[in-house]
Amino acid sequence: MKILVTGGAGFIGSTFIKFHLQKNPTHKIINLDNLSIGSNLKNLDSIQKNSNYQFIKDDIKNFSKLKPLIDDVDLVINFAAETHVDRSIANPTPFIETNILGTFNILETLRKSDKLFLHISTDEVYGDAEDQKSFNEHDKINPGNPYSASKASAEILINSYVKTYGIKSIISRCSNNFGPFQFPEKLIPKTIIRALKNLSIPLYGSGNQIRSWIYVLDHVTALVSLISQGKFGETYN
């Protein structure tokens, strides 16, 4: 199998690539990443010399580069995204361009093929839980910031391509990840780094908010299961 992973130099994408090649050493993976905020090729130092791994620096917004890559693989997994809520509030433009228009480019390339498309979304599309303990896949989405709105928009676009063109897609909505190689702007690494340096630890809002967390290897293990067992057109929490 030959796989195109977009955004594979990021925290979750790089973890997936290393995990998948370890479990499937004969598979080939092409990693397309623009090396923007949150990406780090050092995450992939351990496989740089693996002959079944190839890195290409480019962007999912670049359709002319994306199309020949997708034409040459069996599976596309889209981790590429702008992901930080606070940055999306300060400047929504890159979130709209990457998360919506970038996904559109992938869909346009896939709509005349039967390749599987696994899109990595987020539980942020549901909005605040408030008094609700948890969400299921049938709950209404209610994004509350430009980041979550851009991810929800991408999902709606994907589902429209499923219904209109019959593309084979699976969407995953995961909660907050943590683990090795996470970008230091995120809550857990930021808290650890500041604690080690005897700096004040920032709180979000009142500090009473509750978040759900998953270890990054558990997340990518679930994604591997979706590739082989997921149902086309479905969304999975």
C-alpha atoms as a PDB file:
ATOM      1  CA  MET A   1       0.000   0.000   0.000  1.00  0.00           C
ATOM      2  CA  LYS A   2       1.135   3.534  -0.783  1.00  0.00           C
ATOM      3  CA  ILE A   3      -0.149   6.328   1.456  1.00  0.00           C
ATOM      4  CA  LEU A   4      -0.085  10.108   1.196  1.00  0.00           C
ATOM      5  CA  VAL A   5      -0.046  11.712   4.639  1.00  0.00           C
ATOM      6  CA  THR A   6      -0.640  15.467   4.600  1.00  0.00           C
ATOM      7  CA  GLY A   7       0.606  17.391   7.611  1.00  0.00           C
ATOM      8  CA  GLY A   8       2.833  14.491   8.611  1.00  0.00           C
ATOM      9  CA  ALA A   9       5.490  16.616  10.308  1.00  0.00           C
ATOM     10  CA  GLY A  10       3.059  17.700  13.007  1.00  0.00           C
ATOM     11  CA  PHE A  11       2.568  16.042  16.383  1.00  0.00           C
ATOM     12  CA  ILE A  12      -0.178  13.546  15.525  1.00  0.00           C
ATOM     13  CA  GLY A  13       0.760  13.053  11.873  1.00  0.00           C
ATOM     14  CA  SER A  14       4.379  12.205  12.644  1.00  0.00           C
ATOM     15  CA  THR A  15       3.280   9.791  15.364  1.00  0.00           C
ATOM     16  CA  PHE A  16       0.998   8.065  12.870  1.00  0.00           C
ATOM     17  CA  ILE A  17       3.746   7.740  10.242  1.00  0.00           C
ATOM     18  CA  LYS A  18       6.238   6.180  12.669  1.00  0.00           C
ATOM     19  CA  PHE A  19       3.620   3.852  14.139  1.00  0.00           C
ATOM     20  CA  HIS A  20       2.274   2.741  10.758  1.00  0.00           C
ATOM     21  CA  LEU A  21       5.696   2.028   9.243  1.00  0.00           C
ATOM     22  CA  GLN A  22       6.673   0.072  12.330  1.00  0.00           C
ATOM     23  CA  LYS A  23       3.554  -2.104  12.008  1.00  0.00           C
ATOM     24  CA  ASN A  24       3.599  -2.219   8.176  1.00  0.00           C
ATOM     25  CA  PRO A  25       7.262  -2.083   7.089  1.00  0.00           C
ATOM     26  CA  THR A  26       6.480  -2.828   3.413  1.00  0.00           C
ATOM     27  CA  HIS A  27       4.050   0.070   3.023  1.00  0.00           C
ATOM     28  CA  LYS A  28       5.250   3.321   1.466  1.00  0.00           C
ATOM     29  CA  ILE A  29       4.413   6.727   2.943  1.00  0.00           C
ATOM     30  CA  ILE A  30       4.773  10.130   1.321  1.00  0.00           C
ATOM     31  CA  ASN A  31       4.661  12.980   3.826  1.00  0.00           C
ATOM     32  CA  LEU A  32       3.487  16.329   2.414  1.00  0.00           C
ATOM     33  CA  ASP A  33       3.934  19.202   4.863  1.00  0.00           C
ATOM     34  CA  ASN A  34       4.491  22.938   4.482  1.00  0.00           C
ATOM     35  CA  LEU A  35       6.471  23.079   7.772  1.00  0.00           C
ATOM     36  CA  SER A  36       4.376  25.879   9.237  1.00  0.00           C
ATOM     37  CA  ILE A  37       3.705  26.440  12.951  1.00  0.00           C
ATOM     38  CA  GLY A  38       3.492  23.123  14.788  1.00  0.00           C
ATOM     39  CA  SER A  39       5.472  21.126  12.208  1.00  0.00           C
ATOM     40  CA  ASN A  40       8.920  19.784  13.030  1.00  0.00           C
ATOM     41  CA  LEU A  41      10.926  17.341  10.912  1.00  0.00           C
ATOM     42  CA  LYS A  42      12.895  16.325  14.008  1.00  0.00           C
ATOM     43  CA  ASN A  43       9.745  14.429  15.014  1.00  0.00           C
ATOM     44  CA  LEU A  44      10.659  12.029  12.197  1.00  0.00           C
ATOM     45  CA  ASP A  45      14.428  11.710  12.715  1.00  0.00           C
ATOM     46  CA  SER A  46      14.088   7.997  13.486  1.00  0.00           C
ATOM     47  CA  ILE A  47      12.776   7.170   9.976  1.00  0.00           C
ATOM     48  CA  GLN A  48      14.556   9.711   7.776  1.00  0.00           C
ATOM     49  CA  LYS A  49      16.692   6.937   6.245  1.00  0.00           C
ATOM     50  CA  ASN A  50      13.786   4.527   5.740  1.00  0.00           C
ATOM     51  CA  SER A  51      13.552   3.829   1.993  1.00  0.00           C
ATOM     52  CA  ASN A  52       9.762   3.516   2.262  1.00  0.00           C
ATOM     53  CA  TYR A  53       9.415   7.067   3.611  1.00  0.00           C
ATOM     54  CA  GLN A  54       9.572  10.253   1.533  1.00  0.00           C
ATOM     55  CA  PHE A  55       9.157  13.871   2.637  1.00  0.00           C
ATOM     56  CA  ILE A  56       7.984  16.638   0.314  1.00  0.00           C
ATOM     57  CA  LYS A  57       7.797  20.249   1.454  1.00  0.00           C
ATOM     58  CA  ASP A  58       4.667  21.728  -0.065  1.00  0.00           C
ATOM     59  CA  ASP A  59       1.113  22.704   0.789  1.00  0.00           C
ATOM     60  CA  ILE A  60      -2.355  21.177   0.360  1.00  0.00           C
ATOM     61  CA  LYS A  61      -3.374  24.583  -0.983  1.00  0.00           C
ATOM     62  CA  ASN A  62      -1.112  23.896  -3.980  1.00  0.00           C
ATOM     63  CA  PHE A  63      -3.436  21.879  -6.226  1.00  0.00           C
ATOM     64  CA  SER A  64      -0.893  21.384  -9.019  1.00  0.00           C
ATOM     65  CA  LYS A  65       1.477  19.642  -6.586  1.00  0.00           C
ATOM     66  CA  LEU A  66      -1.228  17.754  -4.728  1.00  0.00           C
ATOM     67  CA  LYS A  67      -2.931  16.109  -7.712  1.00  0.00           C
ATOM     68  CA  PRO A  68      -0.032  13.990  -9.057  1.00  0.00           C
ATOM     69  CA  LEU A  69       0.793  12.833  -5.529  1.00  0.00           C
ATOM     70  CA  ILE A  70      -2.771  11.691  -4.866  1.00  0.00           C
ATOM     71  CA  ASP A  71      -2.992  10.057  -8.293  1.00  0.00           C
ATOM     72  CA  ASP A  72      -0.019   7.869  -7.330  1.00  0.00           C
ATOM     73  CA  VAL A  73      -1.240   6.540  -3.946  1.00  0.00           C
ATOM     74  CA  ASP A  74      -3.915   4.189  -2.605  1.00  0.00           C
ATOM     75  CA  LEU A  75      -4.927   6.157   0.483  1.00  0.00           C
ATOM     76  CA  VAL A  76      -4.940   9.804   1.589  1.00  0.00           C
ATOM     77  CA  ILE A  77      -4.850  10.771   5.270  1.00  0.00           C
ATOM     78  CA  ASN A  78      -5.302  14.468   5.995  1.00  0.00           C
ATOM     79  CA  PHE A  79      -3.693  15.713   9.197  1.00  0.00           C
ATOM     80  CA  ALA A  80      -2.824  19.079   7.640  1.00  0.00           C
ATOM     81  CA  ALA A  81      -4.565  21.852   9.545  1.00  0.00           C
ATOM     82  CA  GLU A  82      -4.205  25.074  11.445  1.00  0.00           C
ATOM     83  CA  THR A  83      -5.170  23.951  14.940  1.00  0.00           C
ATOM     84  CA  HIS A  84      -4.901  26.561  17.685  1.00  0.00           C
ATOM     85  CA  VAL A  85      -8.096  28.230  18.939  1.00  0.00           C
ATOM     86  CA  ASP A  86      -6.437  31.395  20.237  1.00  0.00           C
ATOM     87  CA  ARG A  87      -4.499  31.931  17.009  1.00  0.00           C
ATOM     88  CA  SER A  88      -7.684  31.430  14.996  1.00  0.00           C
ATOM     89  CA  ILE A  89      -9.343  34.207  16.987  1.00  0.00           C
ATOM     90  CA  ALA A  90      -6.391  36.551  16.411  1.00  0.00           C
ATOM     91  CA  ASN A  91      -6.146  35.753  12.675  1.00  0.00           C
ATOM     92  CA  PRO A  92      -8.793  33.488  11.099  1.00  0.00           C
ATOM     93  CA  THR A  93      -7.489  33.731   7.512  1.00  0.00           C
ATOM     94  CA  PRO A  94      -4.949  30.845   7.509  1.00  0.00           C
ATOM     95  CA  PHE A  95      -7.529  28.591   9.188  1.00  0.00           C
ATOM     96  CA  ILE A  96     -10.042  29.219   6.410  1.00  0.00           C
ATOM     97  CA  GLU A  97      -7.427  28.797   3.693  1.00  0.00           C
ATOM     98  CA  THR A  98      -5.855  25.574   4.983  1.00  0.00           C
ATOM     99  CA  ASN A  99      -8.717  23.816   6.743  1.00  0.00           C
ATOM    100  CA  ILE A 100     -11.418  24.543   4.157  1.00  0.00           C
ATOM    101  CA  LEU A 101      -9.739  25.363   0.838  1.00  0.00           C
ATOM    102  CA  GLY A 102      -6.958  22.825   1.413  1.00  0.00           C
ATOM    103  CA  THR A 103      -9.509  20.087   2.097  1.00  0.00           C
ATOM    104  CA  PHE A 104     -11.414  21.190  -1.013  1.00  0.00           C
ATOM    105  CA  ASN A 105      -8.271  20.636  -3.108  1.00  0.00           C
ATOM    106  CA  ILE A 106      -7.951  17.079  -1.788  1.00  0.00           C
ATOM    107  CA  LEU A 107     -11.623  16.395  -2.522  1.00  0.00           C
ATOM    108  CA  GLU A 108     -11.392  17.757  -6.054  1.00  0.00           C
ATOM    109  CA  THR A 109      -8.508  15.381  -6.759  1.00  0.00           C
ATOM    110  CA  LEU A 110     -10.362  12.428  -5.246  1.00  0.00           C
ATOM    111  CA  ARG A 111     -13.813  12.895  -6.761  1.00  0.00           C
ATOM    112  CA  LYS A 112     -13.030  10.902  -9.904  1.00  0.00           C
ATOM    113  CA  SER A 113     -11.250   8.084  -8.073  1.00  0.00           C
ATOM    114  CA  ASP A 114     -12.122   5.307  -5.648  1.00  0.00           C
ATOM    115  CA  LYS A 115      -9.267   5.949  -3.214  1.00  0.00           C
ATOM    116  CA  LEU A 116     -10.009   6.065   0.514  1.00  0.00           C
ATOM    117  CA  PHE A 117      -9.822   9.471   2.208  1.00  0.00           C
ATOM    118  CA  LEU A 118      -9.364   9.555   5.990  1.00  0.00           C
ATOM    119  CA  HIS A 119      -9.891  13.082   7.301  1.00  0.00           C
ATOM    120  CA  ILE A 120      -8.720  13.975  10.807  1.00  0.00           C
ATOM    121  CA  SER A 121     -11.206  16.368  12.369  1.00  0.00           C
ATOM    122  CA  THR A 122     -11.792  17.342  16.000  1.00  0.00           C
ATOM    123  CA  ASP A 123     -14.353  17.189  18.793  1.00  0.00           C
ATOM    124  CA  GLU A 124     -14.136  20.996  18.801  1.00  0.00           C
ATOM    125  CA  VAL A 125     -16.848  20.968  16.114  1.00  0.00           C
ATOM    126  CA  TYR A 126     -19.423  20.181  18.829  1.00  0.00           C
ATOM    127  CA  GLY A 127     -18.721  23.406  20.721  1.00  0.00           C
ATOM    128  CA  ASP A 128     -18.868  23.691  24.501  1.00  0.00           C
ATOM    129  CA  ALA A 129     -20.254  20.677  26.350  1.00  0.00           C
ATOM    130  CA  GLU A 130     -21.799  22.893  29.072  1.00  0.00           C
ATOM    131  CA  ASP A 131     -24.004  20.559  31.164  1.00  0.00           C
ATOM    132  CA  GLN A 132     -23.694  17.672  28.706  1.00  0.00           C
ATOM    133  CA  LYS A 133     -21.189  15.042  29.848  1.00  0.00           C
ATOM    134  CA  SER A 134     -20.212  13.871  26.366  1.00  0.00           C
ATOM    135  CA  PHE A 135     -21.180  13.972  22.700  1.00  0.00           C
ATOM    136  CA  ASN A 136     -21.989  11.208  20.252  1.00  0.00           C
ATOM    137  CA  GLU A 137     -21.645  11.239  16.477  1.00  0.00           C
ATOM    138  CA  HIS A 138     -25.315  12.178  15.976  1.00  0.00           C
ATOM    139  CA  ASP A 139     -25.209  15.316  18.130  1.00  0.00           C
ATOM    140  CA  LYS A 140     -25.524  18.684  16.439  1.00  0.00           C
ATOM    141  CA  ILE A 141     -22.282  20.467  15.680  1.00  0.00           C
ATOM    142  CA  ASN A 142     -22.041  23.965  17.107  1.00  0.00           C
ATOM    143  CA  PRO A 143     -18.548  25.416  16.589  1.00  0.00           C
ATOM    144  CA  GLY A 144     -17.721  28.428  18.704  1.00  0.00           C
ATOM    145  CA  ASN A 145     -14.552  29.894  17.159  1.00  0.00           C
ATOM    146  CA  PRO A 146     -12.952  30.250  13.703  1.00  0.00           C
ATOM    147  CA  TYR A 147     -10.807  27.125  14.170  1.00  0.00           C
ATOM    148  CA  SER A 148     -13.698  24.805  15.019  1.00  0.00           C
ATOM    149  CA  ALA A 149     -15.899  26.463  12.390  1.00  0.00           C
ATOM    150  CA  SER A 150     -13.266  25.805   9.715  1.00  0.00           C
ATOM    151  CA  LYS A 151     -13.014  22.136  10.735  1.00  0.00           C
ATOM    152  CA  ALA A 152     -16.808  21.778  10.764  1.00  0.00           C
ATOM    153  CA  SER A 153     -16.967  23.407   7.318  1.00  0.00           C
ATOM    154  CA  ALA A 154     -14.433  20.895   5.995  1.00  0.00           C
ATOM    155  CA  GLU A 155     -16.565  18.036   7.321  1.00  0.00           C
ATOM    156  CA  ILE A 156     -19.700  19.387   5.647  1.00  0.00           C
ATOM    157  CA  LEU A 157     -17.788  19.767   2.394  1.00  0.00           C
ATOM    158  CA  ILE A 158     -16.514  16.172   2.621  1.00  0.00           C
ATOM    159  CA  ASN A 159     -19.996  14.815   3.285  1.00  0.00           C
ATOM    160  CA  SER A 160     -21.331  16.721   0.292  1.00  0.00           C
ATOM    161  CA  TYR A 161     -18.715  15.001  -1.900  1.00  0.00           C
ATOM    162  CA  VAL A 162     -19.745  11.638  -0.471  1.00  0.00           C
ATOM    163  CA  LYS A 163     -23.372  12.267  -1.447  1.00  0.00           C
ATOM    164  CA  THR A 164     -22.718  13.996  -4.769  1.00  0.00           C
ATOM    165  CA  TYR A 165     -19.714  12.126  -6.130  1.00  0.00           C
ATOM    166  CA  GLY A 166     -19.632   8.947  -4.053  1.00  0.00           C
ATOM    167  CA  ILE A 167     -16.105   9.422  -2.740  1.00  0.00           C
ATOM    168  CA  LYS A 168     -14.898   6.983  -0.078  1.00  0.00           C
ATOM    169  CA  SER A 169     -14.263   9.038   3.031  1.00  0.00           C
ATOM    170  CA  ILE A 170     -14.078   8.480   6.773  1.00  0.00           C
ATOM    171  CA  ILE A 171     -14.005  11.336   9.282  1.00  0.00           C
ATOM    172  CA  SER A 172     -12.576  11.031  12.783  1.00  0.00           C
ATOM    173  CA  ARG A 173     -13.305  13.464  15.615  1.00  0.00           C
ATOM    174  CA  CYS A 174     -10.770  13.100  18.387  1.00  0.00           C
ATOM    175  CA  SER A 175     -10.463  14.858  21.717  1.00  0.00           C
ATOM    176  CA  ASN A 176      -7.298  16.599  22.926  1.00  0.00           C
ATOM    177  CA  ASN A 177      -4.112  14.599  22.352  1.00  0.00           C
ATOM    178  CA  PHE A 178      -1.012  14.521  24.525  1.00  0.00           C
ATOM    179  CA  GLY A 179       2.338  12.751  24.322  1.00  0.00           C
ATOM    180  CA  PRO A 180       5.935  12.987  23.072  1.00  0.00           C
ATOM    181  CA  PHE A 181       6.858  15.633  20.466  1.00  0.00           C
ATOM    182  CA  GLN A 182       3.767  17.784  21.108  1.00  0.00           C
ATOM    183  CA  PHE A 183       4.201  21.424  20.094  1.00  0.00           C
ATOM    184  CA  PRO A 184       5.000  23.515  23.205  1.00  0.00           C
ATOM    185  CA  GLU A 185       2.151  26.010  22.708  1.00  0.00           C
ATOM    186  CA  LYS A 186      -0.311  23.275  23.777  1.00  0.00           C
ATOM    187  CA  LEU A 187      -1.559  23.094  27.366  1.00  0.00           C
ATOM    188  CA  ILE A 188       0.263  20.073  28.805  1.00  0.00           C
ATOM    189  CA  PRO A 189       3.767  20.732  27.399  1.00  0.00           C
ATOM    190  CA  LYS A 190       3.412  24.453  28.118  1.00  0.00           C
ATOM    191  CA  THR A 191       2.443  23.709  31.723  1.00  0.00           C
ATOM    192  CA  ILE A 192       5.328  21.264  32.205  1.00  0.00           C
ATOM    193  CA  ILE A 193       7.912  23.589  30.637  1.00  0.00           C
ATOM    194  CA  ARG A 194       6.796  26.590  32.688  1.00  0.00           C
ATOM    195  CA  ALA A 195       6.697  24.540  35.897  1.00  0.00           C
ATOM    196  CA  LEU A 196      10.255  23.289  35.294  1.00  0.00           C
ATOM    197  CA  LYS A 197      11.385  26.893  34.785  1.00  0.00           C
ATOM    198  CA  ASN A 198       9.547  28.102  37.925  1.00  0.00           C
ATOM    199  CA  LEU A 199       7.328  30.357  35.807  1.00  0.00           C
ATOM    200  CA  SER A 200       3.659  31.083  36.399  1.00  0.00           C
ATOM    201  CA  ILE A 201       1.276  28.572  34.811  1.00  0.00           C
ATOM    202  CA  PRO A 202      -1.491  30.190  32.716  1.00  0.00           C
ATOM    203  CA  LEU A 203      -5.119  29.239  33.263  1.00  0.00           C
ATOM    204  CA  TYR A 204      -7.829  29.368  30.628  1.00  0.00           C
ATOM    205  CA  GLY A 205     -10.837  31.369  31.782  1.00  0.00           C
ATOM    206  CA  SER A 206     -11.699  30.630  35.408  1.00  0.00           C
ATOM    207  CA  GLY A 207      -9.604  27.459  35.477  1.00  0.00           C
ATOM    208  CA  ASN A 208     -12.696  25.346  36.187  1.00  0.00           C
ATOM    209  CA  GLN A 209     -13.113  24.066  32.621  1.00  0.00           C
ATOM    210  CA  ILE A 210     -12.849  20.319  32.012  1.00  0.00           C
ATOM    211  CA  ARG A 211     -11.152  18.731  29.010  1.00  0.00           C
ATOM    212  CA  SER A 212     -11.051  15.183  27.719  1.00  0.00           C
ATOM    213  CA  TRP A 213      -7.612  13.812  26.798  1.00  0.00           C
ATOM    214  CA  ILE A 214      -6.284  10.860  24.814  1.00  0.00           C
ATOM    215  CA  TYR A 215      -2.710   9.601  24.490  1.00  0.00           C
ATOM    216  CA  VAL A 216      -1.492  10.164  20.937  1.00  0.00           C
ATOM    217  CA  LEU A 217      -0.552   6.489  20.348  1.00  0.00           C
ATOM    218  CA  ASP A 218      -4.078   5.442  21.316  1.00  0.00           C
ATOM    219  CA  HIS A 219      -5.400   7.927  18.769  1.00  0.00           C
ATOM    220  CA  VAL A 220      -3.231   6.698  15.882  1.00  0.00           C
ATOM    221  CA  THR A 221      -3.991   3.070  16.781  1.00  0.00           C
ATOM    222  CA  ALA A 222      -7.673   3.905  16.362  1.00  0.00           C
ATOM    223  CA  LEU A 223      -6.961   5.552  13.018  1.00  0.00           C
ATOM    224  CA  VAL A 224      -5.239   2.404  11.760  1.00  0.00           C
ATOM    225  CA  SER A 225      -8.356   0.478  12.753  1.00  0.00           C
ATOM    226  CA  LEU A 226     -10.552   2.904  10.822  1.00  0.00           C
ATOM    227  CA  ILE A 227      -8.497   2.376   7.664  1.00  0.00           C
ATOM    228  CA  SER A 228      -9.227  -1.349   7.691  1.00  0.00           C
ATOM    229  CA  GLN A 229     -12.599  -1.474   9.453  1.00  0.00           C
ATOM    230  CA  GLY A 230     -14.250   1.935   9.125  1.00  0.00           C
ATOM    231  CA  LYS A 231     -17.425   2.377   7.084  1.00  0.00           C
ATOM    232  CA  PHE A 232     -17.293   4.793   4.156  1.00  0.00           C
ATOM    233  CA  GLY A 233     -19.253   7.998   4.735  1.00  0.00           C
ATOM    234  CA  GLU A 234     -19.216   7.640   8.526  1.00  0.00           C
ATOM    235  CA  THR A 235     -17.907   9.928  11.238  1.00  0.00           C
ATOM    236  CA  TYR A 236     -16.300   8.434  14.347  1.00  0.00           C
ATOM    237  CA  ASN A 237     -15.646   9.972  17.741  1.00  0.00           C
END
